[in-house]
């Protein structure tokens, strides 16, 4: 299975601004879907699509339309799930190399927080945080590969 990151538009087939019912249907293409929220202390609605060893969370802060999509890296290295941006596998390309690819494509990178760099013009935040045993980058001791990608409808760096 391929999951396509299309920032700032969404994570295909889910698009920013998509209504709740359409988002539930679109998210079901990734696996079993469950809806969480709104809760008394948190009005955000989350649509979680769970596949074999991975999950995608569609976020609706206003309970009505998609504001963000959070994709976690597959748990198993041998997983057939590939998360792609312009043909680049964002969870199997070393983090430093992937950021260079974004830079070379003309996008500004805010790496002031190395564990959560932001591709400013694409409204995407990557994470290198994990509690699992993973290969680490010898330069900074962080995970060698990104562990999650959040595509948002607004620039998270501002």
N, C-alpha and C. Protein backbone atom coordinates (compact mmCIF):
# COMPACT_ATOMS: atom_id res chain seq x y z
N UNK A 1 0.84 -1.17 0.00
CA UNK A 1 0.00 0.00 0.00
C UNK A 1 0.89 1.24 0.00
N UNK A 2 0.47 2.24 -0.74
CA UNK A 2 1.17 3.52 -0.74
C UNK A 2 0.26 4.59 -0.16
N UNK A 3 0.82 5.39 0.71
CA UNK A 3 0.13 6.55 1.28
C UNK A 3 0.88 7.76 0.75
N UNK A 4 0.16 8.65 0.09
CA UNK A 4 0.79 9.78 -0.59
C UNK A 4 0.59 11.07 0.20
N UNK A 5 1.72 11.66 0.62
CA UNK A 5 1.67 12.98 1.27
C UNK A 5 1.58 14.03 0.17
N UNK A 6 0.60 14.90 0.28
CA UNK A 6 0.38 15.96 -0.70
C UNK A 6 0.20 17.29 0.02
N UNK A 7 1.22 17.68 0.82
CA UNK A 7 1.08 18.93 1.56
C UNK A 7 1.10 20.13 0.64
N UNK A 8 0.38 21.17 0.91
CA UNK A 8 -0.52 21.41 2.03
C UNK A 8 -1.94 20.91 1.80
N UNK A 9 -2.16 20.15 0.72
CA UNK A 9 -3.51 19.72 0.35
C UNK A 9 -4.08 18.59 1.19
N UNK A 10 -3.20 17.73 1.72
CA UNK A 10 -3.67 16.61 2.52
C UNK A 10 -2.78 15.40 2.39
N UNK A 11 -3.34 14.26 2.73
CA UNK A 11 -2.71 12.95 2.58
C UNK A 11 -3.74 12.14 1.82
N UNK A 12 -3.46 11.90 0.56
CA UNK A 12 -4.45 11.32 -0.33
C UNK A 12 -4.94 9.95 0.14
N UNK A 13 -6.24 9.73 0.14
CA UNK A 13 -7.31 10.49 -0.48
C UNK A 13 -7.98 11.52 0.43
N UNK A 14 -7.43 11.77 1.61
CA UNK A 14 -8.00 12.76 2.53
C UNK A 14 -7.43 14.14 2.18
N UNK A 15 -8.32 15.12 2.10
CA UNK A 15 -7.92 16.49 1.75
C UNK A 15 -8.29 17.44 2.88
N UNK A 16 -7.49 18.49 3.03
CA UNK A 16 -7.80 19.52 4.02
C UNK A 16 -9.15 20.14 3.67
N UNK A 17 -9.96 20.38 4.70
CA UNK A 17 -11.27 20.97 4.50
C UNK A 17 -12.36 19.97 4.15
N UNK A 18 -11.99 18.70 3.99
CA UNK A 18 -12.97 17.66 3.65
C UNK A 18 -13.95 17.50 4.81
N UNK A 19 -15.24 17.38 4.52
CA UNK A 19 -16.24 17.18 5.57
C UNK A 19 -16.05 15.83 6.27
N UNK A 20 -16.53 15.76 7.52
CA UNK A 20 -16.37 14.58 8.37
C UNK A 20 -16.74 13.28 7.67
N UNK A 21 -17.96 13.18 7.13
CA UNK A 21 -18.43 11.91 6.55
C UNK A 21 -17.55 11.48 5.38
N UNK A 22 -17.15 12.42 4.55
CA UNK A 22 -16.26 12.09 3.43
C UNK A 22 -14.89 11.64 3.94
N UNK A 23 -14.42 12.27 5.01
CA UNK A 23 -13.12 11.91 5.58
C UNK A 23 -13.13 10.50 6.15
N UNK A 24 -14.22 10.13 6.79
CA UNK A 24 -14.34 8.76 7.32
C UNK A 24 -14.27 7.76 6.17
N UNK A 25 -15.01 8.03 5.11
CA UNK A 25 -15.02 7.13 3.96
C UNK A 25 -13.63 7.06 3.31
N UNK A 26 -12.98 8.20 3.13
CA UNK A 26 -11.65 8.23 2.52
C UNK A 26 -10.63 7.50 3.39
N UNK A 27 -10.68 7.71 4.70
CA UNK A 27 -9.73 7.07 5.62
C UNK A 27 -9.88 5.56 5.63
N UNK A 28 -11.07 5.06 5.32
CA UNK A 28 -11.28 3.61 5.34
C UNK A 28 -10.45 2.90 4.28
N UNK A 29 -9.93 3.64 3.30
CA UNK A 29 -9.05 3.01 2.29
C UNK A 29 -7.72 2.57 2.91
N UNK A 30 -7.40 3.09 4.09
CA UNK A 30 -6.15 2.72 4.77
C UNK A 30 -6.33 1.56 5.74
N UNK A 31 -7.54 1.27 6.15
CA UNK A 31 -7.76 0.18 7.10
C UNK A 31 -8.99 0.41 7.94
N UNK A 32 -9.06 -0.33 9.04
CA UNK A 32 -10.20 -0.24 9.96
C UNK A 32 -10.25 1.16 10.57
N UNK A 33 -11.44 1.75 10.59
CA UNK A 33 -11.61 3.13 11.05
C UNK A 33 -12.36 3.16 12.37
N UNK A 34 -11.90 4.03 13.26
CA UNK A 34 -12.67 4.33 14.48
C UNK A 34 -12.62 5.83 14.69
N UNK A 35 -13.69 6.36 15.26
CA UNK A 35 -13.80 7.79 15.51
C UNK A 35 -13.69 8.02 17.00
N UNK A 36 -12.86 8.99 17.38
CA UNK A 36 -12.67 9.35 18.78
C UNK A 36 -13.02 10.82 18.94
N UNK A 37 -13.85 11.13 19.95
CA UNK A 37 -14.21 12.50 20.25
C UNK A 37 -15.50 12.88 19.57
N UNK A 38 -15.97 14.06 19.89
CA UNK A 38 -15.36 15.01 20.81
C UNK A 38 -15.52 14.53 22.26
N UNK A 39 -14.57 14.94 23.07
CA UNK A 39 -14.62 14.63 24.49
C UNK A 39 -14.91 15.90 25.28
N UNK A 40 -15.35 15.75 26.50
CA UNK A 40 -15.70 16.90 27.32
C UNK A 40 -14.54 17.89 27.44
N UNK A 41 -13.32 17.38 27.61
CA UNK A 41 -12.15 18.23 27.80
C UNK A 41 -11.42 18.56 26.49
N UNK A 42 -11.88 17.96 25.37
CA UNK A 42 -11.22 18.19 24.09
C UNK A 42 -12.24 18.07 22.96
N UNK A 43 -12.58 19.19 22.31
CA UNK A 43 -13.60 19.15 21.26
C UNK A 43 -13.13 18.54 19.93
N UNK A 44 -11.84 18.26 19.80
CA UNK A 44 -11.31 17.74 18.55
C UNK A 44 -11.84 16.33 18.27
N UNK A 45 -12.18 16.08 17.01
CA UNK A 45 -12.58 14.75 16.57
C UNK A 45 -11.40 14.16 15.81
N UNK A 46 -11.12 12.88 16.09
CA UNK A 46 -10.04 12.18 15.39
C UNK A 46 -10.61 10.94 14.73
N UNK A 47 -10.25 10.77 13.47
CA UNK A 47 -10.62 9.57 12.72
C UNK A 47 -9.33 8.76 12.60
N UNK A 48 -9.28 7.60 13.24
CA UNK A 48 -8.07 6.79 13.21
C UNK A 48 -8.29 5.62 12.26
N UNK A 49 -7.40 5.52 11.27
CA UNK A 49 -7.41 4.39 10.35
C UNK A 49 -6.22 3.50 10.71
N UNK A 50 -6.52 2.24 11.01
CA UNK A 50 -5.46 1.32 11.45
C UNK A 50 -5.29 0.21 10.42
N UNK A 51 -4.05 0.05 10.00
CA UNK A 51 -3.73 -1.02 9.08
C UNK A 51 -2.81 -2.00 9.77
N UNK A 52 -2.16 -2.81 9.02
CA UNK A 52 -1.25 -3.82 9.55
C UNK A 52 0.05 -3.16 9.99
N UNK A 53 0.13 -2.79 11.28
CA UNK A 53 1.36 -2.22 11.82
C UNK A 53 1.56 -0.74 11.59
N UNK A 54 0.50 -0.01 11.22
CA UNK A 54 0.62 1.45 11.05
C UNK A 54 -0.73 2.08 11.34
N UNK A 55 -0.73 3.39 11.54
CA UNK A 55 -2.00 4.09 11.64
C UNK A 55 -1.88 5.50 11.11
N UNK A 56 -3.04 6.03 10.74
CA UNK A 56 -3.16 7.39 10.24
C UNK A 56 -4.28 8.03 11.05
N UNK A 57 -4.04 9.24 11.54
CA UNK A 57 -5.06 9.95 12.31
C UNK A 57 -5.44 11.22 11.56
N UNK A 58 -6.72 11.31 11.24
CA UNK A 58 -7.27 12.49 10.58
C UNK A 58 -7.86 13.36 11.68
N UNK A 59 -7.47 14.63 11.71
CA UNK A 59 -7.84 15.53 12.81
C UNK A 59 -8.83 16.59 12.31
N UNK A 60 -9.93 16.72 13.07
CA UNK A 60 -10.96 17.72 12.77
C UNK A 60 -11.14 18.56 14.03
N UNK A 61 -10.40 19.65 14.13
CA UNK A 61 -10.45 20.48 15.35
C UNK A 61 -11.83 21.10 15.57
N UNK A 62 -12.51 21.42 14.47
CA UNK A 62 -13.84 22.03 14.58
C UNK A 62 -14.96 20.98 14.52
N UNK A 63 -14.61 19.72 14.51
CA UNK A 63 -15.54 18.58 14.47
C UNK A 63 -16.22 18.42 13.11
N UNK A 64 -15.94 19.29 12.17
CA UNK A 64 -16.67 19.27 10.90
C UNK A 64 -15.80 19.04 9.69
N UNK A 65 -14.59 19.64 9.67
CA UNK A 65 -13.74 19.53 8.49
C UNK A 65 -12.31 19.17 8.89
N UNK A 66 -11.61 18.53 7.97
CA UNK A 66 -10.24 18.07 8.21
C UNK A 66 -9.30 19.27 8.32
N UNK A 67 -8.50 19.28 9.41
CA UNK A 67 -7.50 20.32 9.62
C UNK A 67 -6.08 19.79 9.48
N UNK A 68 -5.89 18.48 9.75
CA UNK A 68 -4.55 17.90 9.73
C UNK A 68 -4.66 16.38 9.60
N UNK A 69 -3.56 15.78 9.14
CA UNK A 69 -3.47 14.33 9.04
C UNK A 69 -2.09 13.93 9.58
N UNK A 70 -2.09 13.00 10.54
CA UNK A 70 -0.87 12.53 11.18
C UNK A 70 -0.63 11.08 10.77
N UNK A 71 0.50 10.84 10.10
CA UNK A 71 0.83 9.50 9.62
C UNK A 71 2.02 8.98 10.42
N UNK A 72 1.86 7.81 11.01
CA UNK A 72 2.95 7.17 11.75
C UNK A 72 3.69 6.20 10.84
N UNK A 73 4.98 6.07 11.07
CA UNK A 73 5.78 5.11 10.31
C UNK A 73 5.31 3.69 10.62
N UNK A 74 5.34 2.81 9.63
CA UNK A 74 5.00 1.42 9.90
C UNK A 74 5.93 0.85 10.98
N UNK A 75 5.38 0.00 11.83
CA UNK A 75 6.16 -0.57 12.92
C UNK A 75 7.23 -1.54 12.44
N UNK A 76 6.95 -2.28 11.39
CA UNK A 76 7.88 -3.29 10.88
C UNK A 76 8.64 -2.76 9.68
N UNK A 77 9.96 -2.96 9.68
CA UNK A 77 10.78 -2.54 8.55
C UNK A 77 10.36 -3.22 7.25
N UNK A 78 9.87 -4.46 7.36
CA UNK A 78 9.49 -5.24 6.18
C UNK A 78 8.09 -4.91 5.68
N UNK A 79 7.42 -3.97 6.31
CA UNK A 79 6.06 -3.62 5.93
C UNK A 79 5.99 -3.23 4.46
N UNK A 80 4.86 -3.60 3.82
CA UNK A 80 4.68 -3.20 2.42
C UNK A 80 4.05 -1.81 2.30
N UNK A 81 3.85 -1.13 3.43
CA UNK A 81 3.32 0.23 3.43
C UNK A 81 4.47 1.20 3.14
N UNK A 82 4.23 2.04 2.14
CA UNK A 82 5.21 3.07 1.81
C UNK A 82 4.50 4.42 1.89
N UNK A 83 5.11 5.36 2.60
CA UNK A 83 4.57 6.70 2.72
C UNK A 83 5.46 7.59 1.86
N UNK A 84 4.87 8.17 0.82
CA UNK A 84 5.66 8.85 -0.20
C UNK A 84 5.35 10.34 -0.32
N UNK A 85 6.39 11.10 -0.62
CA UNK A 85 6.28 12.49 -1.05
C UNK A 85 7.09 12.60 -2.32
N UNK A 86 6.42 12.86 -3.42
CA UNK A 86 7.06 12.96 -4.74
C UNK A 86 7.98 11.77 -5.00
N UNK A 87 7.52 10.59 -4.67
CA UNK A 87 8.28 9.37 -4.93
C UNK A 87 9.31 9.02 -3.89
N UNK A 88 9.54 9.89 -2.92
CA UNK A 88 10.52 9.63 -1.86
C UNK A 88 9.82 8.99 -0.67
N UNK A 89 10.35 7.88 -0.19
CA UNK A 89 9.78 7.18 0.96
C UNK A 89 10.22 7.92 2.21
N UNK A 90 9.29 8.62 2.85
CA UNK A 90 9.65 9.52 3.95
C UNK A 90 10.06 8.78 5.22
N UNK A 91 9.71 7.51 5.34
CA UNK A 91 10.09 6.76 6.54
C UNK A 91 11.22 5.75 6.30
N UNK A 92 11.69 5.65 5.06
CA UNK A 92 12.81 4.75 4.76
C UNK A 92 14.02 5.50 4.20
N UNK A 93 13.89 6.80 4.08
CA UNK A 93 15.01 7.66 3.67
C UNK A 93 15.55 8.29 4.95
N UNK A 94 16.86 8.22 5.20
CA UNK A 94 17.38 8.85 6.42
C UNK A 94 16.90 10.31 6.54
N UNK A 95 16.57 10.71 7.75
CA UNK A 95 15.98 12.03 8.01
C UNK A 95 16.80 13.16 7.41
N UNK A 96 18.11 13.14 7.65
CA UNK A 96 18.95 14.23 7.11
C UNK A 96 18.88 14.28 5.58
N UNK A 97 18.88 13.12 4.95
CA UNK A 97 18.83 13.05 3.49
C UNK A 97 17.48 13.56 2.98
N UNK A 98 16.40 13.19 3.65
CA UNK A 98 15.09 13.63 3.22
C UNK A 98 14.96 15.15 3.32
N UNK A 99 15.48 15.74 4.38
CA UNK A 99 15.42 17.20 4.51
C UNK A 99 16.22 17.87 3.40
N UNK A 100 17.32 17.27 2.99
CA UNK A 100 18.10 17.81 1.86
C UNK A 100 17.29 17.75 0.57
N UNK A 101 16.48 16.70 0.41
CA UNK A 101 15.62 16.58 -0.78
C UNK A 101 14.59 17.71 -0.80
N UNK A 102 13.98 18.00 0.35
CA UNK A 102 13.04 19.11 0.43
C UNK A 102 13.74 20.43 0.14
N UNK A 103 14.92 20.62 0.71
CA UNK A 103 15.70 21.85 0.47
C UNK A 103 16.03 22.01 -1.01
N UNK A 104 16.48 20.93 -1.62
CA UNK A 104 16.85 20.97 -3.03
C UNK A 104 15.65 21.29 -3.92
N UNK A 105 14.45 20.95 -3.44
CA UNK A 105 13.23 21.25 -4.19
C UNK A 105 12.78 22.70 -3.96
N UNK A 106 13.53 23.44 -3.14
CA UNK A 106 13.24 24.86 -2.94
C UNK A 106 12.43 25.18 -1.70
N UNK A 107 12.24 24.23 -0.80
CA UNK A 107 11.45 24.47 0.40
C UNK A 107 12.33 24.83 1.59
N UNK A 108 11.83 25.78 2.37
CA UNK A 108 12.56 26.24 3.56
C UNK A 108 12.32 25.26 4.70
N UNK A 109 13.40 24.88 5.36
CA UNK A 109 13.34 23.94 6.47
C UNK A 109 13.65 24.69 7.76
N UNK A 110 12.80 24.51 8.76
CA UNK A 110 13.08 25.02 10.10
C UNK A 110 13.50 23.82 10.93
N UNK A 111 14.80 23.69 11.16
CA UNK A 111 15.30 22.56 11.94
C UNK A 111 15.85 23.02 13.29
N UNK A 112 15.26 24.11 13.81
CA UNK A 112 15.68 24.61 15.12
C UNK A 112 15.37 23.59 16.21
N UNK A 113 14.40 22.72 15.96
CA UNK A 113 14.11 21.60 16.85
C UNK A 113 14.38 20.33 16.05
N UNK A 114 15.58 19.78 16.13
CA UNK A 114 15.96 18.64 15.27
C UNK A 114 15.05 17.43 15.40
N UNK A 115 14.39 17.28 16.56
CA UNK A 115 13.49 16.13 16.71
C UNK A 115 12.15 16.35 16.03
N UNK A 116 11.85 17.61 15.61
CA UNK A 116 10.60 17.92 14.92
C UNK A 116 10.81 19.02 13.86
N UNK A 117 11.54 18.73 12.81
CA UNK A 117 11.75 19.75 11.78
C UNK A 117 10.48 20.04 10.99
N UNK A 118 10.37 21.27 10.53
CA UNK A 118 9.20 21.75 9.79
C UNK A 118 9.62 22.13 8.37
N UNK A 119 8.86 21.66 7.39
CA UNK A 119 9.02 22.12 6.02
C UNK A 119 8.00 23.25 5.89
N UNK A 120 8.49 24.47 6.03
CA UNK A 120 7.61 25.64 6.18
C UNK A 120 6.58 25.81 5.07
N UNK A 121 7.00 25.82 3.84
CA UNK A 121 6.09 26.12 2.74
C UNK A 121 5.10 25.01 2.45
N UNK A 122 5.31 23.83 3.02
CA UNK A 122 4.43 22.70 2.75
C UNK A 122 3.57 22.32 3.95
N UNK A 123 3.64 23.07 5.01
CA UNK A 123 2.84 22.81 6.21
C UNK A 123 2.96 21.36 6.66
N UNK A 124 4.19 20.90 6.76
CA UNK A 124 4.43 19.53 7.21
C UNK A 124 5.49 19.53 8.31
N UNK A 125 5.23 18.75 9.35
CA UNK A 125 6.16 18.59 10.46
C UNK A 125 6.50 17.11 10.54
N UNK A 126 7.78 16.82 10.62
CA UNK A 126 8.23 15.45 10.79
C UNK A 126 8.63 15.24 12.24
N UNK A 127 8.58 14.01 12.69
CA UNK A 127 9.02 13.69 14.05
C UNK A 127 10.09 12.61 14.00
N UNK A 128 11.06 12.76 14.91
CA UNK A 128 12.09 11.73 15.07
C UNK A 128 12.03 11.18 16.49
N UNK A 129 10.88 11.32 17.12
CA UNK A 129 10.71 10.84 18.48
C UNK A 129 10.11 9.44 18.47
N UNK A 130 10.59 8.57 19.34
CA UNK A 130 10.05 7.23 19.48
C UNK A 130 10.52 6.62 20.79
N UNK A 131 9.75 5.67 21.28
CA UNK A 131 10.16 4.95 22.49
C UNK A 131 10.69 3.56 22.12
N UNK A 132 10.73 3.26 20.83
CA UNK A 132 11.20 1.96 20.36
C UNK A 132 12.70 1.98 20.11
N UNK A 133 13.28 0.79 20.08
CA UNK A 133 14.68 0.63 19.70
C UNK A 133 14.78 0.79 18.19
N UNK A 134 15.50 1.82 17.76
CA UNK A 134 15.66 2.09 16.33
C UNK A 134 17.09 2.51 16.06
N UNK A 135 17.55 2.41 14.81
CA UNK A 135 18.89 2.92 14.48
C UNK A 135 18.95 4.43 14.75
N UNK A 136 20.08 4.89 15.25
CA UNK A 136 20.22 6.32 15.54
C UNK A 136 21.26 6.97 14.65
N UNK A 137 21.08 8.26 14.46
CA UNK A 137 22.00 9.08 13.68
C UNK A 137 23.25 9.31 14.53
N UNK A 138 24.43 8.96 14.04
CA UNK A 138 25.64 9.12 14.84
C UNK A 138 25.98 10.57 15.16
N UNK A 139 25.43 11.52 14.37
CA UNK A 139 25.74 12.93 14.60
C UNK A 139 24.96 13.54 15.75
N UNK A 140 23.67 13.15 15.91
CA UNK A 140 22.87 13.79 16.95
C UNK A 140 22.18 12.82 17.91
N UNK A 141 22.31 11.53 17.67
CA UNK A 141 21.73 10.54 18.57
C UNK A 141 20.23 10.37 18.44
N UNK A 142 19.60 11.10 17.53
CA UNK A 142 18.17 10.96 17.28
C UNK A 142 17.92 9.78 16.33
N UNK A 143 16.68 9.29 16.26
CA UNK A 143 16.41 8.23 15.29
C UNK A 143 16.88 8.61 13.89
N UNK A 144 17.45 7.65 13.21
CA UNK A 144 17.99 7.87 11.87
C UNK A 144 16.89 8.25 10.88
N UNK A 145 15.70 7.68 11.08
CA UNK A 145 14.58 7.90 10.18
C UNK A 145 13.45 8.64 10.91
N UNK A 146 12.63 9.35 10.15
CA UNK A 146 11.45 9.98 10.74
C UNK A 146 10.48 8.90 11.20
N UNK A 147 9.75 9.20 12.26
CA UNK A 147 8.80 8.24 12.82
C UNK A 147 7.35 8.67 12.59
N UNK A 148 7.13 9.92 12.21
CA UNK A 148 5.78 10.41 11.93
C UNK A 148 5.86 11.66 11.07
N UNK A 149 4.75 11.92 10.37
CA UNK A 149 4.63 13.14 9.55
C UNK A 149 3.24 13.71 9.76
N UNK A 150 3.18 15.00 10.09
CA UNK A 150 1.92 15.70 10.28
C UNK A 150 1.75 16.72 9.17
N UNK A 151 0.72 16.55 8.35
CA UNK A 151 0.38 17.51 7.32
C UNK A 151 -0.79 18.31 7.85
N UNK A 152 -0.67 19.64 7.79
CA UNK A 152 -1.67 20.53 8.37
C UNK A 152 -2.23 21.48 7.33
N UNK A 153 -3.34 22.12 7.66
CA UNK A 153 -3.92 23.12 6.76
C UNK A 153 -3.30 24.50 6.95
N UNK A 154 -2.48 24.63 7.97
CA UNK A 154 -1.81 25.91 8.20
C UNK A 154 -0.36 25.66 8.56
N UNK A 155 0.47 26.65 8.37
CA UNK A 155 1.90 26.45 8.59
C UNK A 155 2.18 26.33 10.08
N UNK A 156 2.66 25.17 10.53
CA UNK A 156 2.91 24.95 11.96
C UNK A 156 4.12 25.71 12.49
N UNK A 157 4.92 26.31 11.63
CA UNK A 157 6.12 27.01 12.08
C UNK A 157 5.83 28.44 12.51
N UNK A 158 4.65 28.92 12.23
CA UNK A 158 4.35 30.32 12.55
C UNK A 158 3.52 30.41 13.81
